[in-house]
Amino acid sequence: MALEVRLYNGRGVRQTGRLKTVGALGFIGIIGFLLGIAANFIYFEALPILTQIFPQILKINWLMWGIIGAFLSIICCLIYAYLP
């Protein structure tokens, strides 16, 4: 059972589309906030540990940027999939 919020303007026209748009933008904003927290944690906490464990692999710039690009593309696809 889906919950539908019905808003009417002065002429009696439903405005659920605007509410869905604001909800989707809010959802994307929250995901962006959480990804920012994750990026901060990775940069300041996880990356120093990984450079100590795998120093040879992490010195290859193109490999690191390729991994970062792969994660970003997956995240963008997931965000796009959840848009209404």
PDB file of N, CA and C in Angstrom:
ATOM      1  N   MET A   1       0.844  -1.171   0.000  1.00  0.00           N
ATOM      2  CA  MET A   1       0.000   0.000   0.000  1.00  0.00           C
ATOM      3  C   MET A   1       0.887   1.231   0.000  1.00  0.00           C
ATOM      4  N   ALA A   2       0.748   2.057  -0.984  1.00  0.00           N
ATOM      5  CA  ALA A   2       1.594   3.243  -1.122  1.00  0.00           C
ATOM      6  C   ALA A   2       0.936   4.424  -0.425  1.00  0.00           C
ATOM      7  N   LEU A   3       1.761   5.218   0.202  1.00  0.00           N
ATOM      8  CA  LEU A   3       1.297   6.432   0.866  1.00  0.00           C
ATOM      9  C   LEU A   3       1.418   7.582  -0.120  1.00  0.00           C
ATOM     10  N   GLU A   4       0.313   8.246  -0.377  1.00  0.00           N
ATOM     11  CA  GLU A   4       0.320   9.355  -1.328  1.00  0.00           C
ATOM     12  C   GLU A   4      -0.158  10.611  -0.616  1.00  0.00           C
ATOM     13  N   VAL A   5       0.637  11.648  -0.718  1.00  0.00           N
ATOM     14  CA  VAL A   5       0.281  12.930  -0.125  1.00  0.00           C
ATOM     15  C   VAL A   5      -0.307  13.792  -1.223  1.00  0.00           C
ATOM     16  N   ARG A   6      -1.491  14.312  -1.012  1.00  0.00           N
ATOM     17  CA  ARG A   6      -2.135  15.136  -2.021  1.00  0.00           C
ATOM     18  C   ARG A   6      -2.161  16.585  -1.553  1.00  0.00           C
ATOM     19  N   LEU A   7      -1.541  17.425  -2.323  1.00  0.00           N
ATOM     20  CA  LEU A   7      -1.548  18.851  -2.049  1.00  0.00           C
ATOM     21  C   LEU A   7      -2.309  19.547  -3.165  1.00  0.00           C
ATOM     22  N   TYR A   8      -3.109  20.516  -2.817  1.00  0.00           N
ATOM     23  CA  TYR A   8      -3.893  21.241  -3.803  1.00  0.00           C
ATOM     24  C   TYR A   8      -3.525  22.716  -3.750  1.00  0.00           C
ATOM     25  N   ASN A   9      -3.429  23.325  -4.914  1.00  0.00           N
ATOM     26  CA  ASN A   9      -3.235  24.769  -4.932  1.00  0.00           C
ATOM     27  C   ASN A   9      -4.613  25.435  -4.873  1.00  0.00           C
ATOM     28  N   GLY A  10      -4.682  26.734  -5.043  1.00  0.00           N
ATOM     29  CA  GLY A  10      -5.934  27.462  -4.907  1.00  0.00           C
ATOM     30  C   GLY A  10      -7.012  27.034  -5.890  1.00  0.00           C
ATOM     31  N   ARG A  11      -6.651  26.467  -7.026  1.00  0.00           N
ATOM     32  CA  ARG A  11      -7.627  26.069  -8.043  1.00  0.00           C
ATOM     33  C   ARG A  11      -8.008  24.598  -7.935  1.00  0.00           C
ATOM     34  N   GLY A  12      -7.495  23.883  -6.957  1.00  0.00           N
ATOM     35  CA  GLY A  12      -7.860  22.486  -6.768  1.00  0.00           C
ATOM     36  C   GLY A  12      -7.049  21.513  -7.592  1.00  0.00           C
ATOM     37  N   VAL A  13      -5.865  21.915  -8.074  1.00  0.00           N
ATOM     38  CA  VAL A  13      -5.022  21.036  -8.883  1.00  0.00           C
ATOM     39  C   VAL A  13      -4.041  20.319  -7.966  1.00  0.00           C
ATOM     40  N   ARG A  14      -3.903  19.015  -8.175  1.00  0.00           N
ATOM     41  CA  ARG A  14      -2.969  18.249  -7.344  1.00  0.00           C
ATOM     42  C   ARG A  14      -1.535  18.641  -7.655  1.00  0.00           C
ATOM     43  N   GLN A  15      -0.701  18.661  -6.620  1.00  0.00           N
ATOM     44  CA  GLN A  15       0.696  19.030  -6.805  1.00  0.00           C
ATOM     45  C   GLN A  15       1.619  17.981  -6.193  1.00  0.00           C
ATOM     46  N   THR A  16       1.345  16.717  -6.459  1.00  0.00           N
ATOM     47  CA  THR A  16       2.196  15.667  -5.928  1.00  0.00           C
ATOM     48  C   THR A  16       3.532  15.609  -6.654  1.00  0.00           C
ATOM     49  N   GLY A  17       3.581  16.072  -7.904  1.00  0.00           N
ATOM     50  CA  GLY A  17       4.828  16.051  -8.666  1.00  0.00           C
ATOM     51  C   GLY A  17       5.896  16.922  -8.039  1.00  0.00           C
ATOM     52  N   ARG A  18       5.503  18.080  -7.562  1.00  0.00           N
ATOM     53  CA  ARG A  18       6.460  18.989  -6.924  1.00  0.00           C
ATOM     54  C   ARG A  18       6.989  18.379  -5.632  1.00  0.00           C
ATOM     55  N   LEU A  19       6.114  17.720  -4.874  1.00  0.00           N
ATOM     56  CA  LEU A  19       6.526  17.084  -3.636  1.00  0.00           C
ATOM     57  C   LEU A  19       7.508  15.940  -3.916  1.00  0.00           C
ATOM     58  N   LYS A  20       7.258  15.183  -4.978  1.00  0.00           N
ATOM     59  CA  LYS A  20       8.170  14.101  -5.341  1.00  0.00           C
ATOM     60  C   LYS A  20       9.531  14.653  -5.761  1.00  0.00           C
ATOM     61  N   THR A  21       9.527  15.773  -6.479  1.00  0.00           N
ATOM     62  CA  THR A  21      10.784  16.379  -6.913  1.00  0.00           C
ATOM     63  C   THR A  21      11.588  16.865  -5.718  1.00  0.00           C
ATOM     64  N   VAL A  22      10.929  17.521  -4.789  1.00  0.00           N
ATOM     65  CA  VAL A  22      11.615  18.000  -3.588  1.00  0.00           C
ATOM     66  C   VAL A  22      12.124  16.820  -2.766  1.00  0.00           C
ATOM     67  N   GLY A  23      11.332  15.761  -2.685  1.00  0.00           N
ATOM     68  CA  GLY A  23      11.766  14.561  -1.964  1.00  0.00           C
ATOM     69  C   GLY A  23      12.977  13.903  -2.605  1.00  0.00           C
ATOM     70  N   ALA A  24      12.980  13.825  -3.936  1.00  0.00           N
ATOM     71  CA  ALA A  24      14.115  13.216  -4.639  1.00  0.00           C
ATOM     72  C   ALA A  24      15.380  14.057  -4.450  1.00  0.00           C
ATOM     73  N   LEU A  25      15.241  15.382  -4.538  1.00  0.00           N
ATOM     74  CA  LEU A  25      16.407  16.246  -4.330  1.00  0.00           C
ATOM     75  C   LEU A  25      16.913  16.158  -2.895  1.00  0.00           C
ATOM     76  N   GLY A  26      16.010  16.071  -1.943  1.00  0.00           N
ATOM     77  CA  GLY A  26      16.416  15.886  -0.550  1.00  0.00           C
ATOM     78  C   GLY A  26      17.132  14.569  -0.343  1.00  0.00           C
ATOM     79  N   PHE A  27      16.620  13.513  -0.987  1.00  0.00           N
ATOM     80  CA  PHE A  27      17.246  12.196  -0.886  1.00  0.00           C
ATOM     81  C   PHE A  27      18.658  12.222  -1.474  1.00  0.00           C
ATOM     82  N   ILE A  28      18.818  12.849  -2.626  1.00  0.00           N
ATOM     83  CA  ILE A  28      20.139  12.956  -3.245  1.00  0.00           C
ATOM     84  C   ILE A  28      21.060  13.799  -2.372  1.00  0.00           C
ATOM     85  N   GLY A  29      20.533  14.850  -1.748  1.00  0.00           N
ATOM     86  CA  GLY A  29      21.343  15.664  -0.844  1.00  0.00           C
ATOM     87  C   GLY A  29      21.834  14.873   0.358  1.00  0.00           C
ATOM     88  N   ILE A  30      20.973  14.048   0.919  1.00  0.00           N
ATOM     89  CA  ILE A  30      21.377  13.215   2.062  1.00  0.00           C
ATOM     90  C   ILE A  30      22.426  12.205   1.644  1.00  0.00           C
ATOM     91  N   ILE A  31      22.250  11.594   0.474  1.00  0.00           N
ATOM     92  CA  ILE A  31      23.259  10.648  -0.021  1.00  0.00           C
ATOM     93  C   ILE A  31      24.589  11.360  -0.245  1.00  0.00           C
ATOM     94  N   GLY A  32      24.556  12.569  -0.810  1.00  0.00           N
ATOM     95  CA  GLY A  32      25.779  13.331  -1.001  1.00  0.00           C
ATOM     96  C   GLY A  32      26.458  13.660   0.315  1.00  0.00           C
ATOM     97  N   PHE A  33      25.673  13.989   1.329  1.00  0.00           N
ATOM     98  CA  PHE A  33      26.234  14.265   2.656  1.00  0.00           C
ATOM     99  C   PHE A  33      26.930  13.030   3.222  1.00  0.00           C
ATOM    100  N   LEU A  34      26.267  11.880   3.109  1.00  0.00           N
ATOM    101  CA  LEU A  34      26.862  10.636   3.610  1.00  0.00           C
ATOM    102  C   LEU A  34      28.109  10.249   2.820  1.00  0.00           C
ATOM    103  N   LEU A  35      28.099  10.492   1.505  1.00  0.00           N
ATOM    104  CA  LEU A  35      29.293  10.201   0.704  1.00  0.00           C
ATOM    105  C   LEU A  35      30.444  11.133   1.078  1.00  0.00           C
ATOM    106  N   GLY A  36      30.139  12.364   1.436  1.00  0.00           N
ATOM    107  CA  GLY A  36      31.176  13.277   1.900  1.00  0.00           C
ATOM    108  C   GLY A  36      31.803  12.804   3.198  1.00  0.00           C
ATOM    109  N   ILE A  37      30.986  12.301   4.105  1.00  0.00           N
ATOM    110  CA  ILE A  37      31.509  11.744   5.353  1.00  0.00           C
ATOM    111  C   ILE A  37      32.383  10.530   5.055  1.00  0.00           C
ATOM    112  N   ALA A  38      31.928   9.681   4.141  1.00  0.00           N
ATOM    113  CA  ALA A  38      32.711   8.491   3.777  1.00  0.00           C
ATOM    114  C   ALA A  38      34.029   8.886   3.121  1.00  0.00           C
ATOM    115  N   ALA A  39      34.020   9.900   2.258  1.00  0.00           N
ATOM    116  CA  ALA A  39      35.256  10.343   1.610  1.00  0.00           C
ATOM    117  C   ALA A  39      36.231  10.901   2.631  1.00  0.00           C
ATOM    118  N   ASN A  40      35.724  11.643   3.607  1.00  0.00           N
ATOM    119  CA  ASN A  40      36.588  12.170   4.664  1.00  0.00           C
ATOM    120  C   ASN A  40      37.214  11.034   5.456  1.00  0.00           C
ATOM    121  N   PHE A  41      36.403  10.036   5.813  1.00  0.00           N
ATOM    122  CA  PHE A  41      36.930   8.893   6.563  1.00  0.00           C
ATOM    123  C   PHE A  41      37.975   8.139   5.753  1.00  0.00           C
ATOM    124  N   ILE A  42      37.695   7.920   4.479  1.00  0.00           N
ATOM    125  CA  ILE A  42      38.646   7.187   3.634  1.00  0.00           C
ATOM    126  C   ILE A  42      39.955   7.950   3.511  1.00  0.00           C
ATOM    127  N   TYR A  43      39.867   9.254   3.320  1.00  0.00           N
ATOM    128  CA  TYR A  43      41.080  10.050   3.111  1.00  0.00           C
ATOM    129  C   TYR A  43      41.932  10.139   4.365  1.00  0.00           C
ATOM    130  N   PHE A  44      41.307  10.350   5.520  1.00  0.00           N
ATOM    131  CA  PHE A  44      42.080  10.579   6.737  1.00  0.00           C
ATOM    132  C   PHE A  44      42.325   9.324   7.565  1.00  0.00           C
ATOM    133  N   GLU A  45      41.497   8.305   7.446  1.00  0.00           N
ATOM    134  CA  GLU A  45      41.648   7.108   8.276  1.00  0.00           C
ATOM    135  C   GLU A  45      42.101   5.881   7.475  1.00  0.00           C
ATOM    136  N   ALA A  46      41.367   5.550   6.425  1.00  0.00           N
ATOM    137  CA  ALA A  46      41.623   4.298   5.716  1.00  0.00           C
ATOM    138  C   ALA A  46      42.821   4.392   4.776  1.00  0.00           C
ATOM    139  N   LEU A  47      43.007   5.516   4.112  1.00  0.00           N
ATOM    140  CA  LEU A  47      44.094   5.629   3.135  1.00  0.00           C
ATOM    141  C   LEU A  47      45.481   5.500   3.765  1.00  0.00           C
ATOM    142  N   PRO A  48      45.760   6.107   4.938  1.00  0.00           N
ATOM    143  CA  PRO A  48      47.075   5.875   5.549  1.00  0.00           C
ATOM    144  C   PRO A  48      47.321   4.410   5.915  1.00  0.00           C
ATOM    145  N   ILE A  49      46.271   3.725   6.358  1.00  0.00           N
ATOM    146  CA  ILE A  49      46.431   2.303   6.692  1.00  0.00           C
ATOM    147  C   ILE A  49      46.689   1.492   5.425  1.00  0.00           C
ATOM    148  N   LEU A  50      45.950   1.799   4.358  1.00  0.00           N
ATOM    149  CA  LEU A  50      46.153   1.071   3.102  1.00  0.00           C
ATOM    150  C   LEU A  50      47.531   1.335   2.505  1.00  0.00           C
ATOM    151  N   THR A  51      48.049   2.548   2.641  1.00  0.00           N
ATOM    152  CA  THR A  51      49.387   2.824   2.104  1.00  0.00           C
ATOM    153  C   THR A  51      50.465   2.095   2.884  1.00  0.00           C
ATOM    154  N   GLN A  52      50.225   1.799   4.146  1.00  0.00           N
ATOM    155  CA  GLN A  52      51.189   1.013   4.910  1.00  0.00           C
ATOM    156  C   GLN A  52      51.111  -0.466   4.541  1.00  0.00           C
ATOM    157  N   ILE A  53      49.914  -0.951   4.278  1.00  0.00           N
ATOM    158  CA  ILE A  53      49.743  -2.370   3.957  1.00  0.00           C
ATOM    159  C   ILE A  53      50.139  -2.661   2.510  1.00  0.00           C
ATOM    160  N   PHE A  54      49.690  -1.816   1.565  1.00  0.00           N
ATOM    161  CA  PHE A  54      49.945  -2.026   0.142  1.00  0.00           C
ATOM    162  C   PHE A  54      50.689  -0.837  -0.455  1.00  0.00           C
ATOM    163  N   PRO A  55      51.945  -0.636  -0.125  1.00  0.00           N
ATOM    164  CA  PRO A  55      52.630   0.567  -0.629  1.00  0.00           C
ATOM    165  C   PRO A  55      52.889   0.546  -2.136  1.00  0.00           C
ATOM    166  N   GLN A  56      53.129  -0.617  -2.725  1.00  0.00           N
ATOM    167  CA  GLN A  56      53.441  -0.671  -4.152  1.00  0.00           C
ATOM    168  C   GLN A  56      52.206  -0.391  -5.006  1.00  0.00           C
ATOM    169  N   ILE A  57      51.081  -0.958  -4.606  1.00  0.00           N
ATOM    170  CA  ILE A  57      49.875  -0.811  -5.415  1.00  0.00           C
ATOM    171  C   ILE A  57      49.365   0.623  -5.380  1.00  0.00           C
ATOM    172  N   LEU A  58      49.399   1.250  -4.214  1.00  0.00           N
ATOM    173  CA  LEU A  58      48.822   2.582  -4.081  1.00  0.00           C
ATOM    174  C   LEU A  58      49.729   3.676  -4.630  1.00  0.00           C
ATOM    175  N   LYS A  59      50.948   3.360  -5.004  1.00  0.00           N
ATOM    176  CA  LYS A  59      51.824   4.353  -5.611  1.00  0.00           C
ATOM    177  C   LYS A  59      51.563   4.502  -7.110  1.00  0.00           C
ATOM    178  N   ILE A  60      50.813   3.589  -7.690  1.00  0.00           N
ATOM    179  CA  ILE A  60      50.475   3.664  -9.109  1.00  0.00           C
ATOM    180  C   ILE A  60      49.250   4.572  -9.239  1.00  0.00           C
ATOM    181  N   ASN A  61      49.458   5.781  -9.756  1.00  0.00           N
ATOM    182  CA  ASN A  61      48.399   6.787  -9.798  1.00  0.00           C
ATOM    183  C   ASN A  61      47.209   6.361 -10.649  1.00  0.00           C
ATOM    184  N   TRP A  62      47.465   5.817 -11.836  1.00  0.00           N
ATOM    185  CA  TRP A  62      46.361   5.488 -12.719  1.00  0.00           C
ATOM    186  C   TRP A  62      45.477   4.405 -12.131  1.00  0.00           C
ATOM    187  N   LEU A  63      46.063   3.489 -11.343  1.00  0.00           N
ATOM    188  CA  LEU A  63      45.276   2.434 -10.714  1.00  0.00           C
ATOM    189  C   LEU A  63      44.352   3.010  -9.639  1.00  0.00           C
ATOM    190  N   MET A  64      44.891   3.916  -8.829  1.00  0.00           N
ATOM    191  CA  MET A  64      44.079   4.526  -7.775  1.00  0.00           C
ATOM    192  C   MET A  64      42.931   5.346  -8.371  1.00  0.00           C
ATOM    193  N   TRP A  65      43.229   6.146  -9.399  1.00  0.00           N
ATOM    194  CA  TRP A  65      42.177   6.952 -10.012  1.00  0.00           C
ATOM    195  C   TRP A  65      41.164   6.074 -10.731  1.00  0.00           C
ATOM    196  N   GLY A  66      41.593   4.957 -11.251  1.00  0.00           N
ATOM    197  CA  GLY A  66      40.660   4.017 -11.868  1.00  0.00           C
ATOM    198  C   GLY A  66      39.707   3.412 -10.844  1.00  0.00           C
ATOM    199  N   ILE A  67      40.228   3.066  -9.675  1.00  0.00           N
ATOM    200  CA  ILE A  67      39.379   2.519  -8.610  1.00  0.00           C
ATOM    201  C   ILE A  67      38.391   3.580  -8.126  1.00  0.00           C
ATOM    202  N   ILE A  68      38.869   4.806  -7.943  1.00  0.00           N
ATOM    203  CA  ILE A  68      37.988   5.899  -7.510  1.00  0.00           C
ATOM    204  C   ILE A  68      36.911   6.153  -8.566  1.00  0.00           C
ATOM    205  N   GLY A  69      37.278   6.142  -9.828  1.00  0.00           N
ATOM    206  CA  GLY A  69      36.305   6.346 -10.901  1.00  0.00           C
ATOM    207  C   GLY A  69      35.265   5.236 -10.956  1.00  0.00           C
ATOM    208  N   ALA A  70      35.696   4.009 -10.701  1.00  0.00           N
ATOM    209  CA  ALA A  70      34.748   2.890 -10.691  1.00  0.00           C
ATOM    210  C   ALA A  70      33.724   3.056  -9.575  1.00  0.00           C
ATOM    211  N   PHE A  71      34.180   3.429  -8.388  1.00  0.00           N
ATOM    212  CA  PHE A  71      33.253   3.646  -7.277  1.00  0.00           C
ATOM    213  C   PHE A  71      32.303   4.801  -7.557  1.00  0.00           C
ATOM    214  N   LEU A  72      32.817   5.886  -8.128  1.00  0.00           N
ATOM    215  CA  LEU A  72      31.957   7.028  -8.431  1.00  0.00           C
ATOM    216  C   LEU A  72      30.902   6.669  -9.475  1.00  0.00           C
ATOM    217  N   SER A  73      31.272   5.891 -10.476  1.00  0.00           N
ATOM    218  CA  SER A  73      30.285   5.520 -11.496  1.00  0.00           C
ATOM    219  C   SER A  73      29.214   4.597 -10.918  1.00  0.00           C
ATOM    220  N   ILE A  74      29.595   3.702 -10.023  1.00  0.00           N
ATOM    221  CA  ILE A  74      28.607   2.830  -9.377  1.00  0.00           C
ATOM    222  C   ILE A  74      27.656   3.654  -8.522  1.00  0.00           C
ATOM    223  N   ILE A  75      28.198   4.618  -7.782  1.00  0.00           N
ATOM    224  CA  ILE A  75      27.368   5.464  -6.928  1.00  0.00           C
ATOM    225  C   ILE A  75      26.409   6.296  -7.765  1.00  0.00           C
ATOM    226  N   CYS A  76      26.895   6.856  -8.867  1.00  0.00           N
ATOM    227  CA  CYS A  76      26.020   7.659  -9.735  1.00  0.00           C
ATOM    228  C   CYS A  76      24.913   6.798 -10.348  1.00  0.00           C
ATOM    229  N   CYS A  77      25.228   5.574 -10.730  1.00  0.00           N
ATOM    230  CA  CYS A  77      24.204   4.679 -11.281  1.00  0.00           C
ATOM    231  C   CYS A  77      23.161   4.319 -10.225  1.00  0.00           C
ATOM    232  N   LEU A  78      23.595   4.104  -8.999  1.00  0.00           N
ATOM    233  CA  LEU A  78      22.641   3.797  -7.931  1.00  0.00           C
ATOM    234  C   LEU A  78      21.735   4.991  -7.638  1.00  0.00           C
ATOM    235  N   ILE A  79      22.282   6.178  -7.635  1.00  0.00           N
ATOM    236  CA  ILE A  79      21.462   7.370  -7.413  1.00  0.00           C
ATOM    237  C   ILE A  79      20.454   7.524  -8.551  1.00  0.00           C
ATOM    238  N   TYR A  80      20.887   7.325  -9.779  1.00  0.00           N
ATOM    239  CA  TYR A  80      19.987   7.447 -10.918  1.00  0.00           C
ATOM    240  C   TYR A  80      18.885   6.389 -10.871  1.00  0.00           C
ATOM    241  N   ALA A  81      19.219   5.199 -10.401  1.00  0.00           N
ATOM    242  CA  ALA A  81      18.237   4.124 -10.331  1.00  0.00           C
ATOM    243  C   ALA A  81      17.140   4.418  -9.307  1.00  0.00           C
ATOM    244  N   TYR A  82      17.458   5.174  -8.259  1.00  0.00           N
ATOM    245  CA  TYR A  82      16.475   5.461  -7.226  1.00  0.00           C
ATOM    246  C   TYR A  82      15.676   6.731  -7.485  1.00  0.00           C
ATOM    247  N   LEU A  83      15.968   7.446  -8.563  1.00  0.00           N
ATOM    248  CA  LEU A  83      15.177   8.634  -8.876  1.00  0.00           C
ATOM    249  C   LEU A  83      13.778   8.233  -9.311  1.00  0.00           C
ATOM    250  N   PRO A  84      12.784   9.045  -8.964  1.00  0.00           N
ATOM    251  CA  PRO A  84      11.408   8.673  -9.343  1.00  0.00           C
ATOM    252  C   PRO A  84      11.160   8.835 -10.824  1.00  0.00           C
TER     253      PRO A  84
END
